[in-house]
Protein backbone atom coordinates (compact mmCIF):
# COMPACT_ATOMS: atom_id res chain seq x y z
CA UNK A 1 0.00 0.00 0.00
CA UNK A 2 1.38 3.36 -1.08
CA UNK A 3 0.60 5.32 2.09
CA UNK A 4 1.88 2.56 4.38
CA UNK A 5 5.22 2.62 2.52
CA UNK A 6 5.58 6.34 1.89
CA UNK A 7 3.49 8.03 4.58
CA UNK A 8 0.55 10.37 4.13
CA UNK A 9 2.46 13.36 2.85
CA UNK A 10 4.71 11.56 0.36
CA UNK A 11 2.08 9.13 -0.92
CA UNK A 12 0.88 10.43 -4.28
CA UNK A 13 -2.26 9.79 -6.31
CA UNK A 14 -0.03 8.84 -9.26
CA UNK A 15 1.67 6.16 -7.13
CA UNK A 16 -1.73 4.78 -6.12
CA UNK A 17 -2.80 4.64 -9.76
CA UNK A 18 0.43 2.91 -10.80
CA UNK A 19 0.12 0.31 -8.05
CA UNK A 20 -3.51 -0.35 -8.97
CA UNK A 21 -2.63 -0.56 -12.67
CA UNK A 22 -4.99 2.29 -13.63
CA UNK A 23 -4.64 5.83 -14.86
CA UNK A 24 -4.40 8.76 -12.45
CA UNK A 25 -7.65 10.14 -13.90
CA UNK A 26 -9.46 6.95 -12.93
CA UNK A 27 -8.51 7.48 -9.28
CA UNK A 28 -9.98 10.99 -9.49
CA UNK A 29 -13.26 9.54 -10.77
CA UNK A 30 -13.70 7.98 -7.32
CA UNK A 31 -11.77 10.34 -5.05
CA UNK A 32 -11.40 14.09 -5.47
CA UNK A 33 -8.37 14.30 -3.16
CA UNK A 34 -6.00 12.34 -0.94
CA UNK A 35 -8.20 13.32 2.00
CA UNK A 36 -11.10 11.49 0.34
CA UNK A 37 -8.91 8.40 0.11
CA UNK A 38 -7.99 8.75 3.80
CA UNK A 39 -11.68 9.03 4.70
CA UNK A 40 -12.43 5.90 2.68
CA UNK A 41 -9.64 4.03 4.49
CA UNK A 42 -10.95 5.06 7.91
CA UNK A 43 -14.56 4.27 7.02
CA UNK A 44 -13.48 0.92 5.58
CA UNK A 45 -11.57 0.12 8.77
CA UNK A 46 -14.58 0.88 10.98
CA UNK A 47 -16.97 -0.96 8.64
CA UNK A 48 -14.77 -4.05 8.77
CA UNK A 49 -14.44 -3.81 12.56
CA UNK A 50 -18.20 -3.58 13.11
CA UNK A 51 -19.15 -6.00 10.32
CA UNK A 52 -19.94 -9.06 12.43
CA UNK A 53 -21.09 -7.34 15.61
CA UNK A 54 -24.84 -7.44 14.90
CA UNK A 55 -24.78 -11.19 14.35
CA UNK A 56 -22.52 -11.62 17.37
CA UNK A 57 -24.84 -9.65 19.64
CA UNK A 58 -27.87 -11.59 18.45
CA UNK A 59 -26.26 -14.81 19.69
CA UNK A 60 -25.76 -13.70 23.30
CA UNK A 61 -28.73 -13.87 25.61
CA UNK A 62 -27.61 -11.94 28.67
CA UNK A 63 -25.65 -8.68 28.98
CA UNK A 64 -22.73 -10.62 30.48
CA UNK A 65 -22.65 -13.02 27.51
CA UNK A 66 -22.85 -10.09 25.08
CA UNK A 67 -20.07 -8.14 26.79
CA UNK A 68 -17.91 -11.26 26.90
CA UNK A 69 -18.57 -11.87 23.19
CA UNK A 70 -17.70 -8.26 22.30
CA UNK A 71 -14.44 -8.36 24.24
CA UNK A 72 -13.47 -11.69 22.65
CA UNK A 73 -14.51 -10.45 19.21
CA UNK A 74 -12.45 -7.27 19.61
CA UNK A 75 -9.28 -9.22 20.28
CA UNK A 76 -10.02 -11.79 17.58
CA UNK A 77 -10.61 -8.99 15.07
CA UNK A 78 -7.36 -7.30 16.08
CA UNK A 79 -5.35 -10.51 15.79
CA UNK A 80 -6.83 -11.43 12.40
CA UNK A 81 -6.57 -7.85 11.11
CA UNK A 82 -2.91 -7.49 12.05
CA UNK A 83 -2.07 -10.90 10.56
CA UNK A 84 -3.86 -10.11 7.28
CA UNK A 85 -2.81 -8.05 4.30
CA UNK A 86 -5.00 -5.21 5.60
CA UNK A 87 -2.89 -5.19 8.75
CA UNK A 88 -0.18 -3.43 6.79
CA UNK A 89 -2.47 -0.40 6.79
CA UNK A 90 -2.59 -0.18 10.62
CA UNK A 91 0.24 2.40 10.85
CA UNK A 92 -1.40 4.50 8.15
CA UNK A 93 -4.78 4.34 9.91
CA UNK A 94 -3.05 5.59 13.08
CA UNK A 95 -1.34 8.34 11.06
CA UNK A 96 -4.69 9.36 9.55
CA UNK A 97 -6.20 9.44 13.05
CA UNK A 98 -3.35 11.68 14.21
CA UNK A 99 -3.72 13.98 11.23
CA UNK A 100 -7.48 14.18 11.74
CA UNK A 101 -7.01 15.04 15.40
CA UNK A 102 -4.71 17.91 14.41
CA UNK A 103 -7.16 19.07 11.73
CA UNK A 104 -10.00 21.46 12.30
CA UNK A 105 -12.95 19.61 13.84
CA UNK A 106 -15.15 20.65 10.93
CA UNK A 107 -13.11 18.72 8.34
CA UNK A 108 -14.69 15.63 6.86
CA UNK A 109 -11.72 13.49 7.88
CA UNK A 110 -12.12 14.56 11.52
CA UNK A 111 -15.86 13.92 11.35
CA UNK A 112 -15.36 10.47 9.76
CA UNK A 113 -13.27 9.40 12.75
CA UNK A 114 -15.80 10.82 15.20
CA UNK A 115 -18.58 8.89 13.42
CA UNK A 116 -16.57 5.66 13.65
CA UNK A 117 -15.75 6.11 17.33
CA UNK A 118 -19.35 7.02 18.15
CA UNK A 119 -20.53 3.91 16.33
CA UNK A 120 -18.16 1.83 18.45
CA UNK A 121 -19.40 3.38 21.68
CA UNK A 122 -23.02 2.95 20.53
CA UNK A 123 -22.52 -0.81 20.21
CA UNK A 124 -21.97 -1.07 23.97
CA UNK A 125 -24.68 1.34 25.14
CA UNK A 126 -27.79 -0.90 24.87
CA UNK A 127 -25.97 -3.89 26.35
CA UNK A 128 -24.73 -1.91 29.32
CA UNK A 129 -28.15 -0.32 29.74
CA UNK A 130 -29.79 -3.76 29.84
CA UNK A 131 -27.22 -4.93 32.37
CA UNK A 132 -27.79 -1.94 34.63
CA UNK A 133 -31.59 -2.36 34.42
CA UNK A 134 -31.27 -6.04 35.34
CA UNK A 135 -28.98 -5.12 38.28
CA UNK A 136 -26.27 -7.29 36.75
CA UNK A 137 -23.98 -4.31 36.12
CA UNK A 138 -23.16 -1.44 38.45
CA UNK A 139 -25.37 1.62 37.86
CA UNK A 140 -22.87 3.82 36.05
CA UNK A 141 -23.96 6.58 33.66
CA UNK A 142 -24.36 4.68 30.37
CA UNK A 143 -22.72 7.32 28.16
CA UNK A 144 -19.57 7.30 30.27
CA UNK A 145 -19.69 3.56 30.85
CA UNK A 146 -19.83 2.81 27.11
CA UNK A 147 -17.07 5.31 26.34
CA UNK A 148 -14.76 3.81 28.96
CA UNK A 149 -15.30 0.26 27.67
CA UNK A 150 -14.79 1.19 24.00
CA UNK A 151 -11.83 3.48 24.72
CA UNK A 152 -10.15 0.82 26.85
CA UNK A 153 -10.44 -1.75 24.05
CA UNK A 154 -9.26 0.81 21.51
CA UNK A 155 -6.26 1.76 23.63
CA UNK A 156 -5.40 -1.88 24.28
CA UNK A 157 -5.35 -2.47 20.52
CA UNK A 158 -2.78 0.28 20.03
CA UNK A 159 -0.59 -0.89 22.90
CA UNK A 160 -0.79 -4.50 21.78
CA UNK A 161 0.25 -3.45 18.26
CA UNK A 162 3.26 -1.61 19.65
CA UNK A 163 4.29 -4.50 21.94
CA UNK A 164 3.18 -7.66 20.17
CA UNK A 165 6.45 -9.40 20.91
CA UNK A 166 5.88 -8.90 24.64
CA UNK A 167 2.21 -9.86 25.08
CA UNK A 168 0.18 -12.89 24.14
CA UNK A 169 -3.12 -11.68 22.69
CA UNK A 170 -5.16 -14.50 24.22
CA UNK A 171 -3.81 -13.76 27.71
CA UNK A 172 -4.45 -10.05 27.15
CA UNK A 173 -8.05 -10.85 26.18
CA UNK A 174 -8.58 -13.04 29.25
CA UNK A 175 -7.14 -10.39 31.55
CA UNK A 176 -9.25 -7.66 29.94
CA UNK A 177 -12.39 -9.75 30.21
CA UNK A 178 -11.76 -10.53 33.86
CA UNK A 179 -11.00 -6.92 34.78
CA UNK A 180 -14.02 -5.59 32.93
CA UNK A 181 -16.48 -8.12 34.21
CA UNK A 182 -15.26 -8.18 37.79
CA UNK A 183 -15.08 -4.41 37.85
CA UNK A 184 -18.52 -3.89 36.32
CA UNK A 185 -20.57 -6.64 37.88
CA UNK A 186 -22.74 -6.35 40.93
CA UNK A 187 -23.05 -9.26 43.37
CA UNK A 188 -25.96 -10.53 41.23
CA UNK A 189 -23.89 -10.25 38.10
CA UNK A 190 -20.98 -12.11 39.69
CA UNK A 191 -23.32 -14.97 40.60
CA UNK A 192 -24.50 -15.11 36.98
CA UNK A 193 -20.90 -15.16 35.76
CA UNK A 194 -20.11 -18.10 38.03
CA UNK A 195 -23.13 -20.13 36.87
C-alpha atoms as a PDB file:
ATOM      1  CA  UNK A   1       0.000   0.000   0.000  1.00  0.00           C
ATOM      2  CA  UNK A   2       1.384   3.363  -1.082  1.00  0.00           C
ATOM      3  CA  UNK A   3       0.599   5.315   2.088  1.00  0.00           C
ATOM      4  CA  UNK A   4       1.878   2.565   4.378  1.00  0.00           C
ATOM      5  CA  UNK A   5       5.217   2.622   2.525  1.00  0.00           C
ATOM      6  CA  UNK A   6       5.576   6.339   1.886  1.00  0.00           C
ATOM      7  CA  UNK A   7       3.491   8.030   4.576  1.00  0.00           C
ATOM      8  CA  UNK A   8       0.547  10.368   4.125  1.00  0.00           C
ATOM      9  CA  UNK A   9       2.462  13.359   2.853  1.00  0.00           C
ATOM     10  CA  UNK A  10       4.715  11.558   0.358  1.00  0.00           C
ATOM     11  CA  UNK A  11       2.078   9.134  -0.925  1.00  0.00           C
ATOM     12  CA  UNK A  12       0.877  10.434  -4.283  1.00  0.00           C
ATOM     13  CA  UNK A  13      -2.263   9.788  -6.308  1.00  0.00           C
ATOM     14  CA  UNK A  14      -0.028   8.844  -9.264  1.00  0.00           C
ATOM     15  CA  UNK A  15       1.666   6.163  -7.134  1.00  0.00           C
ATOM     16  CA  UNK A  16      -1.729   4.778  -6.124  1.00  0.00           C
ATOM     17  CA  UNK A  17      -2.804   4.645  -9.760  1.00  0.00           C
ATOM     18  CA  UNK A  18       0.430   2.915 -10.802  1.00  0.00           C
ATOM     19  CA  UNK A  19       0.120   0.312  -8.047  1.00  0.00           C
ATOM     20  CA  UNK A  20      -3.512  -0.346  -8.973  1.00  0.00           C
ATOM     21  CA  UNK A  21      -2.633  -0.556 -12.668  1.00  0.00           C
ATOM     22  CA  UNK A  22      -4.989   2.287 -13.626  1.00  0.00           C
ATOM     23  CA  UNK A  23      -4.642   5.833 -14.857  1.00  0.00           C
ATOM     24  CA  UNK A  24      -4.405   8.760 -12.445  1.00  0.00           C
ATOM     25  CA  UNK A  25      -7.651  10.136 -13.903  1.00  0.00           C
ATOM     26  CA  UNK A  26      -9.464   6.947 -12.925  1.00  0.00           C
ATOM     27  CA  UNK A  27      -8.514   7.478  -9.282  1.00  0.00           C
ATOM     28  CA  UNK A  28      -9.983  10.990  -9.488  1.00  0.00           C
ATOM     29  CA  UNK A  29     -13.258   9.536 -10.768  1.00  0.00           C
ATOM     30  CA  UNK A  30     -13.698   7.976  -7.320  1.00  0.00           C
ATOM     31  CA  UNK A  31     -11.770  10.343  -5.050  1.00  0.00           C
ATOM     32  CA  UNK A  32     -11.403  14.087  -5.467  1.00  0.00           C
ATOM     33  CA  UNK A  33      -8.372  14.302  -3.158  1.00  0.00           C
ATOM     34  CA  UNK A  34      -6.000  12.340  -0.941  1.00  0.00           C
ATOM     35  CA  UNK A  35      -8.197  13.320   2.001  1.00  0.00           C
ATOM     36  CA  UNK A  36     -11.103  11.492   0.336  1.00  0.00           C
ATOM     37  CA  UNK A  37      -8.907   8.399   0.113  1.00  0.00           C
ATOM     38  CA  UNK A  38      -7.986   8.755   3.800  1.00  0.00           C
ATOM     39  CA  UNK A  39     -11.676   9.033   4.705  1.00  0.00           C
ATOM     40  CA  UNK A  40     -12.433   5.905   2.676  1.00  0.00           C
ATOM     41  CA  UNK A  41      -9.637   4.030   4.489  1.00  0.00           C
ATOM     42  CA  UNK A  42     -10.953   5.065   7.914  1.00  0.00           C
ATOM     43  CA  UNK A  43     -14.562   4.268   7.024  1.00  0.00           C
ATOM     44  CA  UNK A  44     -13.484   0.921   5.577  1.00  0.00           C
ATOM     45  CA  UNK A  45     -11.570   0.118   8.767  1.00  0.00           C
ATOM     46  CA  UNK A  46     -14.583   0.882  10.977  1.00  0.00           C
ATOM     47  CA  UNK A  47     -16.967  -0.964   8.643  1.00  0.00           C
ATOM     48  CA  UNK A  48     -14.766  -4.047   8.772  1.00  0.00           C
ATOM     49  CA  UNK A  49     -14.439  -3.808  12.555  1.00  0.00           C
ATOM     50  CA  UNK A  50     -18.199  -3.577  13.111  1.00  0.00           C
ATOM     51  CA  UNK A  51     -19.155  -6.003  10.322  1.00  0.00           C
ATOM     52  CA  UNK A  52     -19.942  -9.058  12.431  1.00  0.00           C
ATOM     53  CA  UNK A  53     -21.088  -7.337  15.606  1.00  0.00           C
ATOM     54  CA  UNK A  54     -24.838  -7.436  14.905  1.00  0.00           C
ATOM     55  CA  UNK A  55     -24.778 -11.188  14.354  1.00  0.00           C
ATOM     56  CA  UNK A  56     -22.524 -11.616  17.366  1.00  0.00           C
ATOM     57  CA  UNK A  57     -24.836  -9.651  19.635  1.00  0.00           C
ATOM     58  CA  UNK A  58     -27.870 -11.592  18.448  1.00  0.00           C
ATOM     59  CA  UNK A  59     -26.257 -14.814  19.694  1.00  0.00           C
ATOM     60  CA  UNK A  60     -25.757 -13.696  23.303  1.00  0.00           C
ATOM     61  CA  UNK A  61     -28.731 -13.868  25.613  1.00  0.00           C
ATOM     62  CA  UNK A  62     -27.610 -11.940  28.673  1.00  0.00           C
ATOM     63  CA  UNK A  63     -25.647  -8.676  28.975  1.00  0.00           C
ATOM     64  CA  UNK A  64     -22.732 -10.615  30.481  1.00  0.00           C
ATOM     65  CA  UNK A  65     -22.647 -13.016  27.510  1.00  0.00           C
ATOM     66  CA  UNK A  66     -22.849 -10.090  25.081  1.00  0.00           C
ATOM     67  CA  UNK A  67     -20.066  -8.141  26.793  1.00  0.00           C
ATOM     68  CA  UNK A  68     -17.914 -11.256  26.901  1.00  0.00           C
ATOM     69  CA  UNK A  69     -18.571 -11.867  23.186  1.00  0.00           C
ATOM     70  CA  UNK A  70     -17.700  -8.261  22.296  1.00  0.00           C
ATOM     71  CA  UNK A  71     -14.441  -8.365  24.238  1.00  0.00           C
ATOM     72  CA  UNK A  72     -13.468 -11.690  22.655  1.00  0.00           C
ATOM     73  CA  UNK A  73     -14.510 -10.449  19.208  1.00  0.00           C
ATOM     74  CA  UNK A  74     -12.449  -7.266  19.613  1.00  0.00           C
ATOM     75  CA  UNK A  75      -9.278  -9.223  20.281  1.00  0.00           C
ATOM     76  CA  UNK A  76     -10.018 -11.792  17.580  1.00  0.00           C
ATOM     77  CA  UNK A  77     -10.614  -8.990  15.072  1.00  0.00           C
ATOM     78  CA  UNK A  78      -7.358  -7.303  16.081  1.00  0.00           C
ATOM     79  CA  UNK A  79      -5.349 -10.508  15.786  1.00  0.00           C
ATOM     80  CA  UNK A  80      -6.832 -11.431  12.396  1.00  0.00           C
ATOM     81  CA  UNK A  81      -6.570  -7.853  11.105  1.00  0.00           C
ATOM     82  CA  UNK A  82      -2.909  -7.489  12.055  1.00  0.00           C
ATOM     83  CA  UNK A  83      -2.070 -10.901  10.556  1.00  0.00           C
ATOM     84  CA  UNK A  84      -3.856 -10.114   7.280  1.00  0.00           C
ATOM     85  CA  UNK A  85      -2.809  -8.050   4.300  1.00  0.00           C
ATOM     86  CA  UNK A  86      -5.000  -5.213   5.603  1.00  0.00           C
ATOM     87  CA  UNK A  87      -2.890  -5.189   8.747  1.00  0.00           C
ATOM     88  CA  UNK A  88      -0.177  -3.430   6.791  1.00  0.00           C
ATOM     89  CA  UNK A  89      -2.469  -0.401   6.788  1.00  0.00           C
ATOM     90  CA  UNK A  90      -2.589  -0.180  10.616  1.00  0.00           C
ATOM     91  CA  UNK A  91       0.241   2.400  10.849  1.00  0.00           C
ATOM     92  CA  UNK A  92      -1.397   4.505   8.151  1.00  0.00           C
ATOM     93  CA  UNK A  93      -4.783   4.337   9.908  1.00  0.00           C
ATOM     94  CA  UNK A  94      -3.048   5.586  13.076  1.00  0.00           C
ATOM     95  CA  UNK A  95      -1.343   8.335  11.056  1.00  0.00           C
ATOM     96  CA  UNK A  96      -4.690   9.363   9.549  1.00  0.00           C
ATOM     97  CA  UNK A  97      -6.202   9.443  13.050  1.00  0.00           C
ATOM     98  CA  UNK A  98      -3.346  11.676  14.208  1.00  0.00           C
ATOM     99  CA  UNK A  99      -3.715  13.982  11.227  1.00  0.00           C
ATOM    100  CA  UNK A 100      -7.482  14.181  11.739  1.00  0.00           C
ATOM    101  CA  UNK A 101      -7.012  15.044  15.401  1.00  0.00           C
ATOM    102  CA  UNK A 102      -4.713  17.913  14.412  1.00  0.00           C
ATOM    103  CA  UNK A 103      -7.155  19.074  11.733  1.00  0.00           C
ATOM    104  CA  UNK A 104     -10.004  21.457  12.302  1.00  0.00           C
ATOM    105  CA  UNK A 105     -12.954  19.612  13.842  1.00  0.00           C
ATOM    106  CA  UNK A 106     -15.150  20.652  10.926  1.00  0.00           C
ATOM    107  CA  UNK A 107     -13.107  18.722   8.340  1.00  0.00           C
ATOM    108  CA  UNK A 108     -14.691  15.632   6.856  1.00  0.00           C
ATOM    109  CA  UNK A 109     -11.724  13.487   7.881  1.00  0.00           C
ATOM    110  CA  UNK A 110     -12.124  14.559  11.521  1.00  0.00           C
ATOM    111  CA  UNK A 111     -15.861  13.920  11.346  1.00  0.00           C
ATOM    112  CA  UNK A 112     -15.356  10.467   9.760  1.00  0.00           C
ATOM    113  CA  UNK A 113     -13.272   9.397  12.750  1.00  0.00           C
ATOM    114  CA  UNK A 114     -15.798  10.819  15.201  1.00  0.00           C
ATOM    115  CA  UNK A 115     -18.577   8.888  13.424  1.00  0.00           C
ATOM    116  CA  UNK A 116     -16.570   5.664  13.647  1.00  0.00           C
ATOM    117  CA  UNK A 117     -15.752   6.110  17.325  1.00  0.00           C
ATOM    118  CA  UNK A 118     -19.350   7.018  18.155  1.00  0.00           C
ATOM    119  CA  UNK A 119     -20.532   3.908  16.325  1.00  0.00           C
ATOM    120  CA  UNK A 120     -18.164   1.825  18.449  1.00  0.00           C
ATOM    121  CA  UNK A 121     -19.396   3.375  21.676  1.00  0.00           C
ATOM    122  CA  UNK A 122     -23.019   2.949  20.533  1.00  0.00           C
ATOM    123  CA  UNK A 123     -22.521  -0.812  20.211  1.00  0.00           C
ATOM    124  CA  UNK A 124     -21.970  -1.065  23.966  1.00  0.00           C
ATOM    125  CA  UNK A 125     -24.680   1.339  25.142  1.00  0.00           C
ATOM    126  CA  UNK A 126     -27.792  -0.904  24.873  1.00  0.00           C
ATOM    127  CA  UNK A 127     -25.975  -3.893  26.354  1.00  0.00           C
ATOM    128  CA  UNK A 128     -24.734  -1.906  29.319  1.00  0.00           C
ATOM    129  CA  UNK A 129     -28.155  -0.318  29.740  1.00  0.00           C
ATOM    130  CA  UNK A 130     -29.794  -3.762  29.837  1.00  0.00           C
ATOM    131  CA  UNK A 131     -27.215  -4.927  32.368  1.00  0.00           C
ATOM    132  CA  UNK A 132     -27.794  -1.935  34.634  1.00  0.00           C
ATOM    133  CA  UNK A 133     -31.587  -2.356  34.419  1.00  0.00           C
ATOM    134  CA  UNK A 134     -31.270  -6.035  35.336  1.00  0.00           C
ATOM    135  CA  UNK A 135     -28.984  -5.123  38.277  1.00  0.00           C
ATOM    136  CA  UNK A 136     -26.268  -7.289  36.749  1.00  0.00           C
ATOM    137  CA  UNK A 137     -23.979  -4.310  36.122  1.00  0.00           C
ATOM    138  CA  UNK A 138     -23.162  -1.441  38.446  1.00  0.00           C
ATOM    139  CA  UNK A 139     -25.365   1.621  37.857  1.00  0.00           C
ATOM    140  CA  UNK A 140     -22.874   3.824  36.046  1.00  0.00           C
ATOM    141  CA  UNK A 141     -23.964   6.580  33.660  1.00  0.00           C
ATOM    142  CA  UNK A 142     -24.361   4.680  30.372  1.00  0.00           C
ATOM    143  CA  UNK A 143     -22.718   7.316  28.157  1.00  0.00           C
ATOM    144  CA  UNK A 144     -19.568   7.302  30.270  1.00  0.00           C
ATOM    145  CA  UNK A 145     -19.689   3.559  30.853  1.00  0.00           C
ATOM    146  CA  UNK A 146     -19.826   2.806  27.112  1.00  0.00           C
ATOM    147  CA  UNK A 147     -17.071   5.308  26.336  1.00  0.00           C
ATOM    148  CA  UNK A 148     -14.756   3.806  28.960  1.00  0.00           C
ATOM    149  CA  UNK A 149     -15.296   0.261  27.673  1.00  0.00           C
ATOM    150  CA  UNK A 150     -14.790   1.187  24.002  1.00  0.00           C
ATOM    151  CA  UNK A 151     -11.830   3.477  24.717  1.00  0.00           C
ATOM    152  CA  UNK A 152     -10.150   0.817  26.848  1.00  0.00           C
ATOM    153  CA  UNK A 153     -10.438  -1.750  24.054  1.00  0.00           C
ATOM    154  CA  UNK A 154      -9.265   0.813  21.508  1.00  0.00           C
ATOM    155  CA  UNK A 155      -6.259   1.756  23.630  1.00  0.00           C
ATOM    156  CA  UNK A 156      -5.404  -1.882  24.277  1.00  0.00           C
ATOM    157  CA  UNK A 157      -5.354  -2.473  20.522  1.00  0.00           C
ATOM    158  CA  UNK A 158      -2.781   0.279  20.025  1.00  0.00           C
ATOM    159  CA  UNK A 159      -0.592  -0.888  22.900  1.00  0.00           C
ATOM    160  CA  UNK A 160      -0.794  -4.495  21.778  1.00  0.00           C
ATOM    161  CA  UNK A 161       0.249  -3.455  18.256  1.00  0.00           C
ATOM    162  CA  UNK A 162       3.257  -1.613  19.651  1.00  0.00           C
ATOM    163  CA  UNK A 163       4.293  -4.499  21.940  1.00  0.00           C
ATOM    164  CA  UNK A 164       3.176  -7.661  20.165  1.00  0.00           C
ATOM    165  CA  UNK A 165       6.455  -9.405  20.913  1.00  0.00           C
ATOM    166  CA  UNK A 166       5.880  -8.897  24.643  1.00  0.00           C
ATOM    167  CA  UNK A 167       2.210  -9.864  25.082  1.00  0.00           C
ATOM    168  CA  UNK A 168       0.176 -12.891  24.143  1.00  0.00           C
ATOM    169  CA  UNK A 169      -3.121 -11.679  22.694  1.00  0.00           C
ATOM    170  CA  UNK A 170      -5.159 -14.496  24.224  1.00  0.00           C
ATOM    171  CA  UNK A 171      -3.807 -13.759  27.709  1.00  0.00           C
ATOM    172  CA  UNK A 172      -4.452 -10.054  27.151  1.00  0.00           C
ATOM    173  CA  UNK A 173      -8.047 -10.845  26.176  1.00  0.00           C
ATOM    174  CA  UNK A 174      -8.582 -13.042  29.249  1.00  0.00           C
ATOM    175  CA  UNK A 175      -7.135 -10.387  31.551  1.00  0.00           C
ATOM    176  CA  UNK A 176      -9.245  -7.658  29.945  1.00  0.00           C
ATOM    177  CA  UNK A 177     -12.395  -9.751  30.207  1.00  0.00           C
ATOM    178  CA  UNK A 178     -11.756 -10.529  33.865  1.00  0.00           C
ATOM    179  CA  UNK A 179     -10.996  -6.919  34.780  1.00  0.00           C
ATOM    180  CA  UNK A 180     -14.020  -5.590  32.927  1.00  0.00           C
ATOM    181  CA  UNK A 181     -16.479  -8.117  34.209  1.00  0.00           C
ATOM    182  CA  UNK A 182     -15.259  -8.182  37.789  1.00  0.00           C
ATOM    183  CA  UNK A 183     -15.083  -4.407  37.846  1.00  0.00           C
ATOM    184  CA  UNK A 184     -18.516  -3.887  36.320  1.00  0.00           C
ATOM    185  CA  UNK A 185     -20.570  -6.641  37.875  1.00  0.00           C
ATOM    186  CA  UNK A 186     -22.740  -6.353  40.927  1.00  0.00           C
ATOM    187  CA  UNK A 187     -23.052  -9.257  43.368  1.00  0.00           C
ATOM    188  CA  UNK A 188     -25.965 -10.530  41.232  1.00  0.00           C
ATOM    189  CA  UNK A 189     -23.887 -10.247  38.104  1.00  0.00           C
ATOM    190  CA  UNK A 190     -20.982 -12.112  39.687  1.00  0.00           C
ATOM    191  CA  UNK A 191     -23.324 -14.967  40.604  1.00  0.00           C
ATOM    192  CA  UNK A 192     -24.501 -15.107  36.984  1.00  0.00           C
ATOM    193  CA  UNK A 193     -20.903 -15.159  35.760  1.00  0.00           C
ATOM    194  CA  UNK A 194     -20.108 -18.103  38.027  1.00  0.00           C
ATOM    195  CA  UNK A 195     -23.127 -20.132  36.868  1.00  0.00           C
END
